[in-house]
PDB file of N, CA and C in Angstrom:
ATOM      1  N   UNK A   1      -3.302  16.645   4.215  1.00  0.00           N
ATOM      2  CA  UNK A   1      -4.049  15.439   3.949  1.00  0.00           C
ATOM      3  C   UNK A   1      -5.187  15.248   4.936  1.00  0.00           C
ATOM      4  N   UNK A   2      -5.318  16.116   5.896  1.00  0.00           N
ATOM      5  CA  UNK A   2      -6.345  15.934   6.916  1.00  0.00           C
ATOM      6  C   UNK A   2      -7.757  16.103   6.356  1.00  0.00           C
ATOM      7  N   UNK A   3      -7.915  16.753   5.190  1.00  0.00           N
ATOM      8  CA  UNK A   3      -9.229  16.913   4.585  1.00  0.00           C
ATOM      9  C   UNK A   3      -9.642  15.706   3.762  1.00  0.00           C
ATOM     10  N   UNK A   4      -8.786  14.719   3.675  1.00  0.00           N
ATOM     11  CA  UNK A   4      -9.047  13.544   2.866  1.00  0.00           C
ATOM     12  C   UNK A   4      -9.543  12.402   3.741  1.00  0.00           C
ATOM     13  N   UNK A   5     -10.353  11.539   3.147  1.00  0.00           N
ATOM     14  CA  UNK A   5     -10.814  10.321   3.800  1.00  0.00           C
ATOM     15  C   UNK A   5      -9.811   9.220   3.481  1.00  0.00           C
ATOM     16  N   UNK A   6      -9.087   8.711   4.486  1.00  0.00           N
ATOM     17  CA  UNK A   6      -8.140   7.624   4.263  1.00  0.00           C
ATOM     18  C   UNK A   6      -8.912   6.315   4.373  1.00  0.00           C
ATOM     19  N   UNK A   7      -8.842   5.520   3.310  1.00  0.00           N
ATOM     20  CA  UNK A   7      -9.606   4.283   3.226  1.00  0.00           C
ATOM     21  C   UNK A   7      -8.910   3.127   3.931  1.00  0.00           C
ATOM     22  N   UNK A   8      -9.647   2.058   4.182  1.00  0.00           N
ATOM     23  CA  UNK A   8      -9.140   0.775   4.675  1.00  0.00           C
ATOM     24  C   UNK A   8      -8.578   0.802   6.094  1.00  0.00           C
ATOM     25  N   UNK A   9      -9.101   1.609   6.966  1.00  0.00           N
ATOM     26  CA  UNK A   9      -8.670   1.618   8.376  1.00  0.00           C
ATOM     27  C   UNK A   9      -7.157   1.720   8.536  1.00  0.00           C
ATOM     28  N   UNK A  10      -6.561   2.681   7.866  1.00  0.00           N
ATOM     29  CA  UNK A  10      -5.121   2.899   7.916  1.00  0.00           C
ATOM     30  C   UNK A  10      -4.711   3.420   9.283  1.00  0.00           C
ATOM     31  N   UNK A  11      -3.651   2.818   9.856  1.00  0.00           N
ATOM     32  CA  UNK A  11      -3.078   3.271  11.122  1.00  0.00           C
ATOM     33  C   UNK A  11      -1.647   3.703  10.862  1.00  0.00           C
ATOM     34  N   UNK A  12      -1.391   5.009  10.976  1.00  0.00           N
ATOM     35  CA  UNK A  12      -0.067   5.569  10.706  1.00  0.00           C
ATOM     36  C   UNK A  12       0.856   5.321  11.887  1.00  0.00           C
ATOM     37  N   UNK A  13       2.118   4.968  11.590  1.00  0.00           N
ATOM     38  CA  UNK A  13       3.135   4.833  12.624  1.00  0.00           C
ATOM     39  C   UNK A  13       3.655   6.214  13.000  1.00  0.00           C
ATOM     40  N   UNK A  14       4.009   6.409  14.263  1.00  0.00           N
ATOM     41  CA  UNK A  14       4.617   7.665  14.692  1.00  0.00           C
ATOM     42  C   UNK A  14       5.975   7.860  14.024  1.00  0.00           C
ATOM     43  N   UNK A  15       6.707   6.765  13.886  1.00  0.00           N
ATOM     44  CA  UNK A  15       8.020   6.776  13.249  1.00  0.00           C
ATOM     45  C   UNK A  15       8.026   5.666  12.198  1.00  0.00           C
ATOM     46  N   UNK A  16       8.380   5.971  10.945  1.00  0.00           N
ATOM     47  CA  UNK A  16       8.430   4.915   9.923  1.00  0.00           C
ATOM     48  C   UNK A  16       9.422   3.815  10.294  1.00  0.00           C
ATOM     49  N   UNK A  17       9.177   2.604   9.805  1.00  0.00           N
ATOM     50  CA  UNK A  17      10.033   1.448  10.077  1.00  0.00           C
ATOM     51  C   UNK A  17      10.556   0.895   8.750  1.00  0.00           C
ATOM     52  N   UNK A  18      11.670   0.178   8.802  1.00  0.00           N
ATOM     53  CA  UNK A  18      12.225  -0.488   7.626  1.00  0.00           C
ATOM     54  C   UNK A  18      12.010  -1.994   7.788  1.00  0.00           C
ATOM     55  N   UNK A  19      11.686  -2.665   6.670  1.00  0.00           N
ATOM     56  CA  UNK A  19      11.462  -4.106   6.705  1.00  0.00           C
ATOM     57  C   UNK A  19      11.877  -4.725   5.385  1.00  0.00           C
ATOM     58  N   UNK A  20      12.169  -6.008   5.439  1.00  0.00           N
ATOM     59  CA  UNK A  20      12.495  -6.770   4.235  1.00  0.00           C
ATOM     60  C   UNK A  20      11.319  -7.682   3.933  1.00  0.00           C
ATOM     61  N   UNK A  21      10.918  -7.682   2.651  1.00  0.00           N
ATOM     62  CA  UNK A  21       9.786  -8.478   2.189  1.00  0.00           C
ATOM     63  C   UNK A  21      10.217  -9.391   1.058  1.00  0.00           C
ATOM     64  N   UNK A  22       9.552 -10.533   0.936  1.00  0.00           N
ATOM     65  CA  UNK A  22       9.765 -11.436  -0.186  1.00  0.00           C
ATOM     66  C   UNK A  22       8.694 -11.131  -1.222  1.00  0.00           C
ATOM     67  N   UNK A  23       9.118 -10.892  -2.456  1.00  0.00           N
ATOM     68  CA  UNK A  23       8.176 -10.557  -3.514  1.00  0.00           C
ATOM     69  C   UNK A  23       8.593 -11.250  -4.804  1.00  0.00           C
ATOM     70  N   UNK A  24       7.648 -11.388  -5.715  1.00  0.00           N
ATOM     71  CA  UNK A  24       7.954 -11.988  -7.004  1.00  0.00           C
ATOM     72  C   UNK A  24       8.719 -10.996  -7.860  1.00  0.00           C
ATOM     73  N   UNK A  25       9.488 -11.529  -8.802  1.00  0.00           N
ATOM     74  CA  UNK A  25      10.225 -10.629  -9.687  1.00  0.00           C
ATOM     75  C   UNK A  25       9.253  -9.772 -10.481  1.00  0.00           C
ATOM     76  N   UNK A  26       9.713  -8.610 -10.865  1.00  0.00           N
ATOM     77  CA  UNK A  26       8.872  -7.654 -11.586  1.00  0.00           C
ATOM     78  C   UNK A  26       9.296  -7.585 -13.049  1.00  0.00           C
ATOM     79  N   UNK A  27       9.705  -8.720 -13.621  1.00  0.00           N
ATOM     80  CA  UNK A  27      10.101  -8.745 -15.014  1.00  0.00           C
ATOM     81  C   UNK A  27      11.583  -8.507 -15.245  1.00  0.00           C
ATOM     82  N   UNK A  28      12.352  -8.244 -14.179  1.00  0.00           N
ATOM     83  CA  UNK A  28      13.775  -8.011 -14.364  1.00  0.00           C
ATOM     84  C   UNK A  28      14.496  -9.308 -14.724  1.00  0.00           C
ATOM     85  N   UNK A  29      14.026 -10.428 -14.178  1.00  0.00           N
ATOM     86  CA  UNK A  29      14.680 -11.708 -14.391  1.00  0.00           C
ATOM     87  C   UNK A  29      13.673 -12.687 -14.983  1.00  0.00           C
ATOM     88  N   UNK A  30      13.998 -13.262 -16.105  1.00  0.00           N
ATOM     89  CA  UNK A  30      13.134 -14.244 -16.743  1.00  0.00           C
ATOM     90  C   UNK A  30      13.735 -15.627 -16.491  1.00  0.00           C
ATOM     91  N   UNK A  31      12.959 -16.506 -15.889  1.00  0.00           N
ATOM     92  CA  UNK A  31      13.405 -17.868 -15.623  1.00  0.00           C
ATOM     93  C   UNK A  31      12.382 -18.812 -16.226  1.00  0.00           C
ATOM     94  N   UNK A  32      12.806 -19.698 -17.115  1.00  0.00           N
ATOM     95  CA  UNK A  32      11.847 -20.629 -17.721  1.00  0.00           C
ATOM     96  C   UNK A  32      11.182 -21.511 -16.666  1.00  0.00           C
ATOM     97  N   UNK A  33       9.856 -21.578 -16.727  1.00  0.00           N
ATOM     98  CA  UNK A  33       9.101 -22.493 -15.877  1.00  0.00           C
ATOM     99  C   UNK A  33       8.939 -22.106 -14.428  1.00  0.00           C
ATOM    100  N   UNK A  34       9.149 -20.862 -14.054  1.00  0.00           N
ATOM    101  CA  UNK A  34       8.961 -20.559 -12.648  1.00  0.00           C
ATOM    102  C   UNK A  34       9.056 -19.093 -12.312  1.00  0.00           C
ATOM    103  N   UNK A  35       8.821 -18.808 -11.047  1.00  0.00           N
ATOM    104  CA  UNK A  35       8.898 -17.443 -10.537  1.00  0.00           C
ATOM    105  C   UNK A  35      10.210 -17.271  -9.795  1.00  0.00           C
ATOM    106  N   UNK A  36      10.660 -16.064  -9.725  1.00  0.00           N
ATOM    107  CA  UNK A  36      11.845 -15.740  -8.946  1.00  0.00           C
ATOM    108  C   UNK A  36      11.378 -14.909  -7.762  1.00  0.00           C
ATOM    109  N   UNK A  37      11.734 -15.344  -6.554  1.00  0.00           N
ATOM    110  CA  UNK A  37      11.379 -14.574  -5.372  1.00  0.00           C
ATOM    111  C   UNK A  37      12.577 -13.718  -4.976  1.00  0.00           C
ATOM    112  N   UNK A  38      12.322 -12.426  -4.833  1.00  0.00           N
ATOM    113  CA  UNK A  38      13.351 -11.473  -4.455  1.00  0.00           C
ATOM    114  C   UNK A  38      13.055 -10.941  -3.069  1.00  0.00           C
ATOM    115  N   UNK A  39      14.094 -10.521  -2.370  1.00  0.00           N
ATOM    116  CA  UNK A  39      13.905  -9.834  -1.097  1.00  0.00           C
ATOM    117  C   UNK A  39      14.185  -8.362  -1.328  1.00  0.00           C
ATOM    118  N   UNK A  40      13.214  -7.522  -0.941  1.00  0.00           N
ATOM    119  CA  UNK A  40      13.357  -6.079  -1.106  1.00  0.00           C
ATOM    120  C   UNK A  40      13.184  -5.408   0.248  1.00  0.00           C
ATOM    121  N   UNK A  41      13.869  -4.287   0.423  1.00  0.00           N
ATOM    122  CA  UNK A  41      13.740  -3.507   1.656  1.00  0.00           C
ATOM    123  C   UNK A  41      12.832  -2.316   1.372  1.00  0.00           C
ATOM    124  N   UNK A  42      11.863  -2.095   2.249  1.00  0.00           N
ATOM    125  CA  UNK A  42      10.887  -1.018   2.066  1.00  0.00           C
ATOM    126  C   UNK A  42      10.778  -0.174   3.331  1.00  0.00           C
ATOM    127  N   UNK A  43      10.367   1.069   3.164  1.00  0.00           N
ATOM    128  CA  UNK A  43      10.063   1.980   4.262  1.00  0.00           C
ATOM    129  C   UNK A  43       8.564   1.853   4.558  1.00  0.00           C
ATOM    130  N   UNK A  44       8.199   1.493   5.769  1.00  0.00           N
ATOM    131  CA  UNK A  44       6.809   1.258   6.150  1.00  0.00           C
ATOM    132  C   UNK A  44       6.313   2.440   6.977  1.00  0.00           C
ATOM    133  N   UNK A  45       5.223   3.074   6.511  1.00  0.00           N
ATOM    134  CA  UNK A  45       4.704   4.262   7.206  1.00  0.00           C
ATOM    135  C   UNK A  45       3.487   3.959   8.073  1.00  0.00           C
ATOM    136  N   UNK A  46       2.943   2.744   7.970  1.00  0.00           N
ATOM    137  CA  UNK A  46       1.771   2.372   8.750  1.00  0.00           C
ATOM    138  C   UNK A  46       1.261   1.015   8.322  1.00  0.00           C
ATOM    139  N   UNK A  47       0.042   0.679   8.754  1.00  0.00           N
ATOM    140  CA  UNK A  47      -0.519  -0.611   8.377  1.00  0.00           C
ATOM    141  C   UNK A  47      -2.036  -0.582   8.352  1.00  0.00           C
ATOM    142  N   UNK A  48      -2.594  -1.562   7.649  1.00  0.00           N
ATOM    143  CA  UNK A  48      -4.025  -1.846   7.680  1.00  0.00           C
ATOM    144  C   UNK A  48      -4.165  -3.251   8.253  1.00  0.00           C
ATOM    145  N   UNK A  49      -5.343  -3.804   8.171  1.00  0.00           N
ATOM    146  CA  UNK A  49      -5.573  -5.149   8.716  1.00  0.00           C
ATOM    147  C   UNK A  49      -4.653  -6.190   8.084  1.00  0.00           C
ATOM    148  N   UNK A  50      -4.413  -6.087   6.764  1.00  0.00           N
ATOM    149  CA  UNK A  50      -3.659  -7.128   6.082  1.00  0.00           C
ATOM    150  C   UNK A  50      -2.421  -6.655   5.321  1.00  0.00           C
ATOM    151  N   UNK A  51      -2.101  -5.354   5.366  1.00  0.00           N
ATOM    152  CA  UNK A  51      -0.954  -4.843   4.616  1.00  0.00           C
ATOM    153  C   UNK A  51      -0.099  -3.902   5.442  1.00  0.00           C
ATOM    154  N   UNK A  52       1.218  -3.914   5.135  1.00  0.00           N
ATOM    155  CA  UNK A  52       2.126  -2.888   5.629  1.00  0.00           C
ATOM    156  C   UNK A  52       2.165  -1.816   4.547  1.00  0.00           C
ATOM    157  N   UNK A  53       1.916  -0.571   4.914  1.00  0.00           N
ATOM    158  CA  UNK A  53       1.734   0.508   3.951  1.00  0.00           C
ATOM    159  C   UNK A  53       3.056   1.229   3.679  1.00  0.00           C
ATOM    160  N   UNK A  54       3.347   1.387   2.366  1.00  0.00           N
ATOM    161  CA  UNK A  54       4.576   2.053   1.947  1.00  0.00           C
ATOM    162  C   UNK A  54       4.317   3.456   1.410  1.00  0.00           C
ATOM    163  N   UNK A  55       3.093   3.722   0.954  1.00  0.00           N
ATOM    164  CA  UNK A  55       2.770   5.060   0.442  1.00  0.00           C
ATOM    165  C   UNK A  55       1.266   5.268   0.467  1.00  0.00           C
ATOM    166  N   UNK A  56       0.869   6.533   0.381  1.00  0.00           N
ATOM    167  CA  UNK A  56      -0.539   6.906   0.330  1.00  0.00           C
ATOM    168  C   UNK A  56      -0.816   7.542  -1.027  1.00  0.00           C
ATOM    169  N   UNK A  57      -1.868   7.082  -1.686  1.00  0.00           N
ATOM    170  CA  UNK A  57      -2.196   7.531  -3.036  1.00  0.00           C
ATOM    171  C   UNK A  57      -3.477   8.353  -3.005  1.00  0.00           C
ATOM    172  N   UNK A  58      -3.391   9.691  -3.151  1.00  0.00           N
ATOM    173  CA  UNK A  58      -4.602  10.519  -3.167  1.00  0.00           C
ATOM    174  C   UNK A  58      -5.312  10.405  -4.518  1.00  0.00           C
ATOM    175  N   UNK A  59      -6.628  10.373  -4.492  1.00  0.00           N
ATOM    176  CA  UNK A  59      -7.409  10.330  -5.727  1.00  0.00           C
ATOM    177  C   UNK A  59      -8.770  10.969  -5.489  1.00  0.00           C
ATOM    178  N   UNK A  60      -9.438  11.310  -6.586  1.00  0.00           N
ATOM    179  CA  UNK A  60     -10.795  11.844  -6.462  1.00  0.00           C
ATOM    180  C   UNK A  60     -11.737  10.978  -7.292  1.00  0.00           C
ATOM    181  N   UNK A  61     -12.993  10.993  -6.909  1.00  0.00           N
ATOM    182  CA  UNK A  61     -14.003  10.207  -7.601  1.00  0.00           C
ATOM    183  C   UNK A  61     -15.351  10.900  -7.462  1.00  0.00           C
ATOM    184  N   UNK A  62     -16.227  10.616  -8.387  1.00  0.00           N
ATOM    185  CA  UNK A  62     -17.556  11.222  -8.361  1.00  0.00           C
ATOM    186  C   UNK A  62     -18.560  10.391  -7.584  1.00  0.00           C
ATOM    187  N   UNK A  63     -19.564  11.078  -7.071  1.00  0.00           N
ATOM    188  CA  UNK A  63     -20.639  10.420  -6.334  1.00  0.00           C
ATOM    189  C   UNK A  63     -21.927  11.183  -6.620  1.00  0.00           C
ATOM    190  N   UNK A  64     -22.979  10.460  -6.878  1.00  0.00           N
ATOM    191  CA  UNK A  64     -24.264  11.097  -7.153  1.00  0.00           C
ATOM    192  C   UNK A  64     -25.144  11.075  -5.912  1.00  0.00           C
ATOM    193  N   UNK A  65     -25.739  12.215  -5.598  1.00  0.00           N
ATOM    194  CA  UNK A  65     -26.757  12.341  -4.546  1.00  0.00           C
ATOM    195  C   UNK A  65     -28.001  12.878  -5.233  1.00  0.00           C
ATOM    196  N   UNK A  66     -28.883  11.972  -5.657  1.00  0.00           N
ATOM    197  CA  UNK A  66     -30.034  12.397  -6.443  1.00  0.00           C
ATOM    198  C   UNK A  66     -29.560  12.884  -7.793  1.00  0.00           C
ATOM    199  N   UNK A  67     -29.868  14.127  -8.125  1.00  0.00           N
ATOM    200  CA  UNK A  67     -29.438  14.711  -9.392  1.00  0.00           C
ATOM    201  C   UNK A  67     -28.189  15.573  -9.260  1.00  0.00           C
ATOM    202  N   UNK A  68     -27.554  15.541  -8.101  1.00  0.00           N
ATOM    203  CA  UNK A  68     -26.385  16.374  -7.846  1.00  0.00           C
ATOM    204  C   UNK A  68     -25.130  15.507  -7.855  1.00  0.00           C
ATOM    205  N   UNK A  69     -24.145  15.891  -8.679  1.00  0.00           N
ATOM    206  CA  UNK A  69     -22.868  15.196  -8.721  1.00  0.00           C
ATOM    207  C   UNK A  69     -21.889  15.842  -7.753  1.00  0.00           C
ATOM    208  N   UNK A  70     -21.288  15.038  -6.907  1.00  0.00           N
ATOM    209  CA  UNK A  70     -20.310  15.529  -5.931  1.00  0.00           C
ATOM    210  C   UNK A  70     -18.948  14.929  -6.227  1.00  0.00           C
ATOM    211  N   UNK A  71     -17.906  15.676  -5.968  1.00  0.00           N
ATOM    212  CA  UNK A  71     -16.545  15.174  -6.119  1.00  0.00           C
ATOM    213  C   UNK A  71     -16.009  14.858  -4.732  1.00  0.00           C
ATOM    214  N   UNK A  72     -15.573  13.640  -4.536  1.00  0.00           N
ATOM    215  CA  UNK A  72     -15.024  13.190  -3.252  1.00  0.00           C
ATOM    216  C   UNK A  72     -13.523  12.970  -3.389  1.00  0.00           C
ATOM    217  N   UNK A  73     -12.795  13.305  -2.349  1.00  0.00           N
ATOM    218  CA  UNK A  73     -11.354  13.116  -2.322  1.00  0.00           C
ATOM    219  C   UNK A  73     -11.034  12.082  -1.252  1.00  0.00           C
ATOM    220  N   UNK A  74     -10.225  11.107  -1.597  1.00  0.00           N
ATOM    221  CA  UNK A  74      -9.853  10.038  -0.672  1.00  0.00           C
ATOM    222  C   UNK A  74      -8.379   9.713  -0.824  1.00  0.00           C
ATOM    223  N   UNK A  75      -7.880   8.901   0.083  1.00  0.00           N
ATOM    224  CA  UNK A  75      -6.501   8.419   0.023  1.00  0.00           C
ATOM    225  C   UNK A  75      -6.536   6.901   0.144  1.00  0.00           C
ATOM    226  N   UNK A  76      -5.893   6.229  -0.795  1.00  0.00           N
ATOM    227  CA  UNK A  76      -5.788   4.774  -0.765  1.00  0.00           C
ATOM    228  C   UNK A  76      -4.410   4.390  -0.242  1.00  0.00           C
ATOM    229  N   UNK A  77      -4.349   3.639   0.880  1.00  0.00           N
ATOM    230  CA  UNK A  77      -3.060   3.152   1.361  1.00  0.00           C
ATOM    231  C   UNK A  77      -2.553   2.031   0.442  1.00  0.00           C
ATOM    232  N   UNK A  78      -1.315   2.142  -0.012  1.00  0.00           N
ATOM    233  CA  UNK A  78      -0.709   1.165  -0.909  1.00  0.00           C
ATOM    234  C   UNK A  78       0.434   0.478  -0.166  1.00  0.00           C
ATOM    235  N   UNK A  79       0.499  -0.850  -0.258  1.00  0.00           N
ATOM    236  CA  UNK A  79       1.573  -1.534   0.443  1.00  0.00           C
ATOM    237  C   UNK A  79       1.691  -2.997   0.093  1.00  0.00           C
ATOM    238  N   UNK A  80       2.354  -3.726   0.961  1.00  0.00           N
ATOM    239  CA  UNK A  80       2.703  -5.123   0.756  1.00  0.00           C
ATOM    240  C   UNK A  80       1.962  -5.978   1.774  1.00  0.00           C
ATOM    241  N   UNK A  81       1.448  -7.124   1.312  1.00  0.00           N
ATOM    242  CA  UNK A  81       0.699  -8.017   2.204  1.00  0.00           C
ATOM    243  C   UNK A  81       1.584  -8.476   3.357  1.00  0.00           C
ATOM    244  N   UNK A  82       1.010  -8.562   4.537  1.00  0.00           N
ATOM    245  CA  UNK A  82       1.765  -8.909   5.741  1.00  0.00           C
ATOM    246  C   UNK A  82       2.402 -10.291   5.660  1.00  0.00           C
ATOM    247  N   UNK A  83       1.831 -11.190   4.885  1.00  0.00           N
ATOM    248  CA  UNK A  83       2.410 -12.540   4.766  1.00  0.00           C
ATOM    249  C   UNK A  83       3.766 -12.556   4.073  1.00  0.00           C
ATOM    250  N   UNK A  84       4.139 -11.472   3.401  1.00  0.00           N
ATOM    251  CA  UNK A  84       5.406 -11.403   2.682  1.00  0.00           C
ATOM    252  C   UNK A  84       6.564 -10.845   3.527  1.00  0.00           C
ATOM    253  N   UNK A  85       6.286 -10.482   4.776  1.00  0.00           N
ATOM    254  CA  UNK A  85       7.323  -9.949   5.663  1.00  0.00           C
ATOM    255  C   UNK A  85       8.360 -11.024   5.968  1.00  0.00           C
ATOM    256  N   UNK A  86       9.642 -10.686   5.789  1.00  0.00           N
ATOM    257  CA  UNK A  86      10.735 -11.585   6.131  1.00  0.00           C
ATOM    258  C   UNK A  86      11.275 -11.191   7.493  1.00  0.00           C
ATOM    259  N   UNK A  87      11.658  -9.901   7.653  1.00  0.00           N
ATOM    260  CA  UNK A  87      12.155  -9.439   8.958  1.00  0.00           C
ATOM    261  C   UNK A  87      12.148  -7.922   8.993  1.00  0.00           C
ATOM    262  N   UNK A  88      12.144  -7.396  10.217  1.00  0.00           N
ATOM    263  CA  UNK A  88      12.277  -5.958  10.435  1.00  0.00           C
ATOM    264  C   UNK A  88      13.751  -5.618  10.466  1.00  0.00           C
ATOM    265  N   UNK A  89      14.093  -4.439   9.937  1.00  0.00           N
ATOM    266  CA  UNK A  89      15.510  -4.020   9.888  1.00  0.00           C
ATOM    267  C   UNK A  89      15.770  -3.099  11.063  1.00  0.00           C
TER     268      UNK A  89
END
């Protein structure tokens, strides 16, 4: 992955951490008139300014330089907003 551009100022942890987060239900539970908040445990591999990162998603995209099309490869850090942290495990 060293040839990829990691977006969003990702800072990788030396050792992954476990944490519990509060999140909305993902359709498993239907409750009339409201949301259901669930607590889930996740493996955290790093962080950005506003998120704890659970995985890295590699992707490619095109970029034009004049009349030349270039293919760029990047990595998008995917994770959970820091405000949803309940506790570290």
